Amino acid sequence: MALKGNLRDFSVTQLLNLINLAHKTGTLTIEGPSETAWVSFREGKLISAQVGNEDGTLTGILSRAGKITPRQSQLIKENAGEKSDKELGLLLINAGYISQQDVLTVLRGYVVEVTYRLFGWAEGFFRFDPDVQPPDSRIPIRVELEDIIIEGTRRMKEYEELQEELPNLDMALNFVDRPGANIRDVNLNAEEWKVVGYINPKNSIRAIAKATKMTDLQIRRIAFGLLQAGLVDVVRAVGMPMPPQARRLPPVDTKQQASLVNKLIQRIRSL
């Protein structure tokens, strides 16, 4: 009998804990506000995961991981016919495109990252169907759930903290114009350099995340790191509408503002 419920009453963390402790076999379907995810388990171990319309085939996963080129992926799909992922994996290994270890590592990474994304789903419905398994054509993997639960919970806490620091991804980043703030003097990783290439007031943080195919957590983590390093400021994105309350405020009188500042400085000096 399937187990059904609402994520408001039973979180993803609690579901995974239950599956882990009870050594459950089956498939968990989660319907979120905008997409659906399917996660399968065997005796409490994670074996498969897919979300939305993402290409969860072996060639799709290898292509996104950069293990094969988009052209190679296209050729494989055109010539694969009815071959299963297992058969395709064997062909790729025998042809020298990729090693067996690479195949298993990339598949494991994809399944784990999909599962991590589900920790942020607080709205939606779930259904656990016992003994329902992915097709035999898929390449089997087995991942311990305990480590995923610990890391997923840590990521959720980090996400909540970063959400407080950067609550609005529709804002933009802009390089600061201050002495000593030079991006060439900072060690950045490949993902950070990707983001740096898109930084200007015309691109919102959300748009940068979409262009670089990053999750909310990833883009917030990088943006916050650049802010902490003093390299960027958060600014209103070009074309972003002003909030309703801002439209009701009278325009700033710059002359009056300068006069008030000077009076304040003189007052402080006289103390």
Protein backbone atom coordinates (compact mmCIF):
# COMPACT_ATOMS: atom_id res chain seq x y z
CA MET A 1 0.00 0.00 0.00
CA ALA A 2 1.38 3.42 -1.00
CA LEU A 3 2.24 6.00 1.65
CA LYS A 4 0.88 9.46 0.74
CA GLY A 5 1.11 12.85 2.38
CA ASN A 6 1.87 16.56 2.31
CA LEU A 7 5.40 17.97 2.66
CA ARG A 8 4.05 20.48 5.17
CA ASP A 9 3.35 17.59 7.54
CA PHE A 10 6.24 15.29 6.61
CA SER A 11 9.46 16.83 5.28
CA VAL A 12 11.89 15.32 2.77
CA THR A 13 14.41 14.85 5.61
CA GLN A 14 11.87 12.85 7.63
CA LEU A 15 10.93 10.75 4.58
CA LEU A 16 14.55 9.85 3.85
CA ASN A 17 15.17 9.04 7.52
CA LEU A 18 12.19 6.69 7.50
CA ILE A 19 13.34 4.96 4.28
CA ASN A 20 16.88 4.65 5.66
CA LEU A 21 15.95 3.30 9.09
CA ALA A 22 13.28 0.89 7.76
CA HIS A 23 15.52 -0.29 4.86
CA LYS A 24 12.67 0.39 2.44
CA THR A 25 12.58 -0.64 -1.20
CA GLY A 26 10.45 1.41 -3.58
CA THR A 27 10.05 4.75 -5.35
CA LEU A 28 9.30 8.11 -3.76
CA THR A 29 7.39 10.54 -6.01
CA ILE A 30 7.34 14.19 -4.93
CA GLU A 31 5.12 16.71 -6.71
CA GLY A 32 6.49 20.20 -6.05
CA PRO A 33 4.95 23.54 -7.07
CA SER A 34 6.62 23.53 -10.49
CA GLU A 35 8.04 20.05 -11.15
CA THR A 36 7.97 16.41 -10.08
CA ALA A 37 10.83 14.25 -8.81
CA TRP A 38 11.22 10.47 -8.63
CA VAL A 39 13.69 8.86 -6.22
CA SER A 40 14.14 5.09 -5.98
CA PHE A 41 15.61 2.97 -3.19
CA ARG A 42 16.62 -0.63 -2.61
CA GLU A 43 16.85 -1.86 0.99
CA GLY A 44 17.28 1.71 2.22
CA LYS A 45 19.99 2.60 -0.31
CA LEU A 46 19.55 5.34 -2.93
CA ILE A 47 19.74 3.85 -6.44
CA SER A 48 18.12 6.34 -8.84
CA ALA A 49 16.77 9.91 -9.03
CA GLN A 50 15.34 12.20 -11.65
CA VAL A 51 13.63 15.59 -11.54
CA GLY A 52 11.29 17.32 -13.98
CA ASN A 53 12.05 17.03 -17.69
CA GLU A 54 15.80 16.72 -17.23
CA ASP A 55 17.45 14.16 -19.47
CA GLY A 56 18.21 11.39 -16.99
CA THR A 57 19.63 9.01 -19.58
CA LEU A 58 23.27 8.00 -19.43
CA THR A 59 24.22 10.14 -22.45
CA GLY A 60 22.37 13.16 -21.05
CA ILE A 61 24.10 12.88 -17.67
CA LEU A 62 27.54 12.31 -19.23
CA SER A 63 27.07 15.31 -21.52
CA ARG A 64 26.10 17.67 -18.67
CA ALA A 65 29.11 16.44 -16.69
CA GLY A 66 31.41 17.24 -19.62
CA LYS A 67 32.51 13.62 -20.06
CA ILE A 68 31.31 13.56 -23.65
CA THR A 69 30.75 16.49 -26.01
CA PRO A 70 27.26 17.63 -27.07
CA ARG A 71 28.12 16.42 -30.58
CA GLN A 72 29.08 12.98 -29.27
CA SER A 73 25.87 12.89 -27.22
CA GLN A 74 23.82 13.70 -30.32
CA LEU A 75 25.55 11.03 -32.39
CA ILE A 76 25.07 8.42 -29.67
CA LYS A 77 21.34 9.20 -29.44
CA GLU A 78 20.94 9.07 -33.23
CA ASN A 79 22.64 5.67 -33.46
CA ALA A 80 21.55 4.13 -30.15
CA GLY A 81 18.27 2.74 -31.40
CA GLU A 82 16.66 0.69 -28.63
CA LYS A 83 19.88 0.18 -26.68
CA SER A 84 19.61 0.44 -22.89
CA ASP A 85 21.84 2.59 -20.68
CA LYS A 86 23.71 -0.57 -19.70
CA GLU A 87 24.41 -1.42 -23.34
CA LEU A 88 25.38 2.17 -24.20
CA GLY A 89 27.68 2.34 -21.19
CA LEU A 90 29.45 -0.82 -22.30
CA LEU A 91 29.82 0.51 -25.86
CA LEU A 92 31.28 3.81 -24.62
CA ILE A 93 33.73 2.01 -22.33
CA ASN A 94 34.84 -0.41 -25.07
CA ALA A 95 35.23 2.49 -27.53
CA GLY A 96 37.51 4.28 -25.08
CA TYR A 97 35.28 7.33 -24.64
CA ILE A 98 35.06 6.85 -20.88
CA SER A 99 36.08 4.42 -18.13
CA GLN A 100 33.76 2.26 -16.07
CA GLN A 101 34.71 4.20 -12.95
CA ASP A 102 33.86 7.49 -14.67
CA VAL A 103 30.41 6.16 -15.59
CA LEU A 104 29.66 5.11 -12.00
CA THR A 105 31.09 8.34 -10.52
CA VAL A 106 29.06 10.60 -12.84
CA LEU A 107 25.83 8.64 -12.29
CA ARG A 108 26.34 8.70 -8.52
CA GLY A 109 27.02 12.45 -8.59
CA TYR A 110 23.87 13.16 -10.59
CA VAL A 111 21.59 11.03 -8.39
CA VAL A 112 23.01 12.54 -5.19
CA GLU A 113 22.73 16.16 -6.44
CA VAL A 114 19.11 15.63 -7.51
CA THR A 115 18.35 14.30 -4.03
CA TYR A 116 20.06 17.29 -2.37
CA ARG A 117 17.81 19.64 -4.36
CA LEU A 118 14.74 18.04 -2.82
CA PHE A 119 15.70 19.18 0.68
CA GLY A 120 14.60 22.69 -0.28
CA TRP A 121 11.10 21.55 -1.27
CA ALA A 122 8.76 22.61 1.52
CA GLU A 123 5.53 22.62 -0.52
CA GLY A 124 3.97 19.73 -2.40
CA PHE A 125 2.76 16.17 -2.09
CA PHE A 126 4.57 12.86 -1.83
CA ARG A 127 3.78 9.23 -2.51
CA PHE A 128 5.95 6.22 -1.67
CA ASP A 129 5.20 3.07 -3.68
CA PRO A 130 6.81 -0.05 -2.14
CA ASP A 131 8.76 -2.36 -4.44
CA VAL A 132 8.44 -0.03 -7.47
CA GLN A 133 11.88 0.12 -9.10
CA PRO A 134 13.43 1.92 -12.09
CA PRO A 135 13.71 -0.04 -15.38
CA ASP A 136 16.31 -2.81 -15.54
CA SER A 137 17.89 -0.92 -18.44
CA ARG A 138 19.32 1.63 -15.98
CA ILE A 139 22.84 1.16 -14.61
CA PRO A 140 22.50 0.29 -10.91
CA ILE A 141 24.24 2.29 -8.18
CA ARG A 142 23.89 2.12 -4.40
CA VAL A 143 24.44 5.15 -2.18
CA GLU A 144 24.18 5.25 1.62
CA LEU A 145 21.35 7.55 2.70
CA GLU A 146 22.81 8.53 6.07
CA ASP A 147 25.55 10.72 4.58
CA ILE A 148 23.09 12.31 2.16
CA ILE A 149 20.72 13.20 5.00
CA ILE A 150 23.54 14.81 7.01
CA GLU A 151 24.89 16.78 4.03
CA GLY A 152 21.41 17.73 2.79
CA THR A 153 20.49 19.09 6.24
CA ARG A 154 23.75 21.07 6.37
CA ARG A 155 23.05 22.55 2.93
CA MET A 156 19.53 23.54 3.98
CA LYS A 157 20.90 25.40 7.00
CA GLU A 158 23.48 27.14 4.81
CA TYR A 159 20.77 28.02 2.28
CA GLU A 160 18.56 29.57 4.98
CA GLU A 161 21.49 31.68 6.23
CA LEU A 162 22.38 32.81 2.70
CA GLN A 163 18.72 33.59 2.00
CA GLU A 164 18.81 36.04 4.90
CA GLU A 165 21.95 37.69 3.47
CA LEU A 166 20.65 37.73 -0.14
CA PRO A 167 16.85 37.56 0.06
CA ASN A 168 16.14 38.91 -3.43
CA LEU A 169 17.75 37.24 -6.45
CA ASP A 170 16.15 39.82 -8.76
CA MET A 171 18.76 42.32 -7.59
CA ALA A 172 22.05 42.62 -9.51
CA LEU A 173 25.75 42.63 -8.67
CA ASN A 174 28.13 45.40 -9.65
CA PHE A 175 31.89 45.63 -9.23
CA VAL A 176 32.95 48.12 -6.57
CA ASP A 177 35.06 51.14 -7.47
CA ARG A 178 37.29 51.23 -4.42
CA PRO A 179 41.08 51.26 -4.01
CA GLY A 180 42.46 47.85 -3.17
CA ALA A 181 39.44 45.96 -4.53
CA ASN A 182 40.92 44.19 -7.55
CA ILE A 183 39.45 40.90 -8.74
CA ARG A 184 42.78 39.95 -10.34
CA ASP A 185 44.27 39.68 -6.85
CA VAL A 186 41.70 37.11 -5.72
CA ASN A 187 41.85 33.33 -6.22
CA LEU A 188 38.58 32.26 -7.84
CA ASN A 189 37.48 28.78 -8.85
CA ALA A 190 35.95 27.88 -12.22
CA GLU A 191 32.35 28.41 -11.07
CA GLU A 192 33.17 31.83 -9.58
CA TRP A 193 34.85 32.94 -12.82
CA LYS A 194 31.68 31.90 -14.70
CA VAL A 195 29.63 34.23 -12.50
CA VAL A 196 32.18 37.07 -12.74
CA GLY A 197 31.77 37.07 -16.52
CA TYR A 198 28.08 37.99 -16.19
CA ILE A 199 28.34 40.63 -13.44
CA ASN A 200 26.87 44.00 -14.42
CA PRO A 201 23.73 45.93 -13.41
CA LYS A 202 21.85 44.60 -16.46
CA ASN A 203 21.97 40.99 -15.19
CA SER A 204 20.01 40.02 -12.10
CA ILE A 205 21.48 37.38 -9.80
CA ARG A 206 18.64 35.08 -10.86
CA ALA A 207 19.50 35.61 -14.55
CA ILE A 208 23.16 34.79 -13.84
CA ALA A 209 22.11 31.57 -12.10
CA LYS A 210 20.03 30.59 -15.14
CA ALA A 211 22.83 31.43 -17.60
CA THR A 212 25.40 29.43 -15.62
CA LYS A 213 22.95 26.59 -14.79
CA MET A 214 23.44 27.03 -11.05
CA THR A 215 21.01 26.32 -8.23
CA ASP A 216 19.82 29.05 -5.85
CA LEU A 217 22.23 27.73 -3.21
CA GLN A 218 25.21 27.80 -5.59
CA ILE A 219 24.58 31.34 -6.87
CA ARG A 220 23.88 32.69 -3.38
CA ARG A 221 27.07 31.07 -2.05
CA ILE A 222 29.22 32.63 -4.79
CA ALA A 223 27.53 36.04 -4.67
CA PHE A 224 27.90 36.19 -0.89
CA GLY A 225 31.58 35.21 -1.17
CA LEU A 226 32.21 38.06 -3.63
CA LEU A 227 30.37 40.45 -1.32
CA GLN A 228 32.42 39.33 1.67
CA ALA A 229 35.61 39.83 -0.35
CA GLY A 230 34.56 43.43 -1.03
CA LEU A 231 34.60 42.93 -4.81
CA VAL A 232 30.93 43.60 -5.56
CA ASP A 233 27.91 45.44 -4.23
CA VAL A 234 24.24 44.52 -4.55
CA VAL A 235 22.39 47.03 -6.76
CA ARG A 236 18.99 47.36 -8.34
CA ALA A 237 18.96 45.59 -11.69
CA VAL A 238 18.47 47.77 -14.76
CA GLY A 239 14.78 47.81 -15.63
CA MET A 240 13.74 46.41 -12.25
CA PRO A 241 10.60 48.29 -11.13
CA MET A 242 10.74 50.32 -7.95
CA PRO A 243 8.67 48.96 -5.05
CA PRO A 244 5.25 50.66 -4.62
CA GLN A 245 6.28 52.35 -1.37
CA ALA A 246 9.35 53.87 -3.06
CA ARG A 247 7.19 55.49 -5.74
CA ARG A 248 5.29 57.42 -3.08
CA LEU A 249 8.45 58.97 -1.61
CA PRO A 250 9.29 62.54 -2.67
CA PRO A 251 12.51 63.03 -4.66
CA VAL A 252 15.63 63.71 -2.62
CA ASP A 253 16.70 67.38 -2.45
CA THR A 254 20.46 66.96 -2.86
CA LYS A 255 21.26 70.56 -1.82
CA GLN A 256 19.23 70.24 1.36
CA GLN A 257 20.81 66.82 2.04
CA ALA A 258 24.34 68.28 1.66
CA SER A 259 23.46 71.16 3.99
CA LEU A 260 22.19 68.77 6.66
CA VAL A 261 25.33 66.63 6.38
CA ASN A 262 27.57 69.69 6.80
CA LYS A 263 25.62 70.84 9.84
CA LEU A 264 25.94 67.38 11.35
CA ILE A 265 29.73 67.35 10.77
CA GLN A 266 30.09 70.79 12.39
CA ARG A 267 28.00 69.66 15.35
CA ILE A 268 30.18 66.56 15.86
CA ARG A 269 33.37 68.68 15.70
CA SER A 270 32.03 71.03 18.36
CA LEU A 271 31.42 68.21 20.86
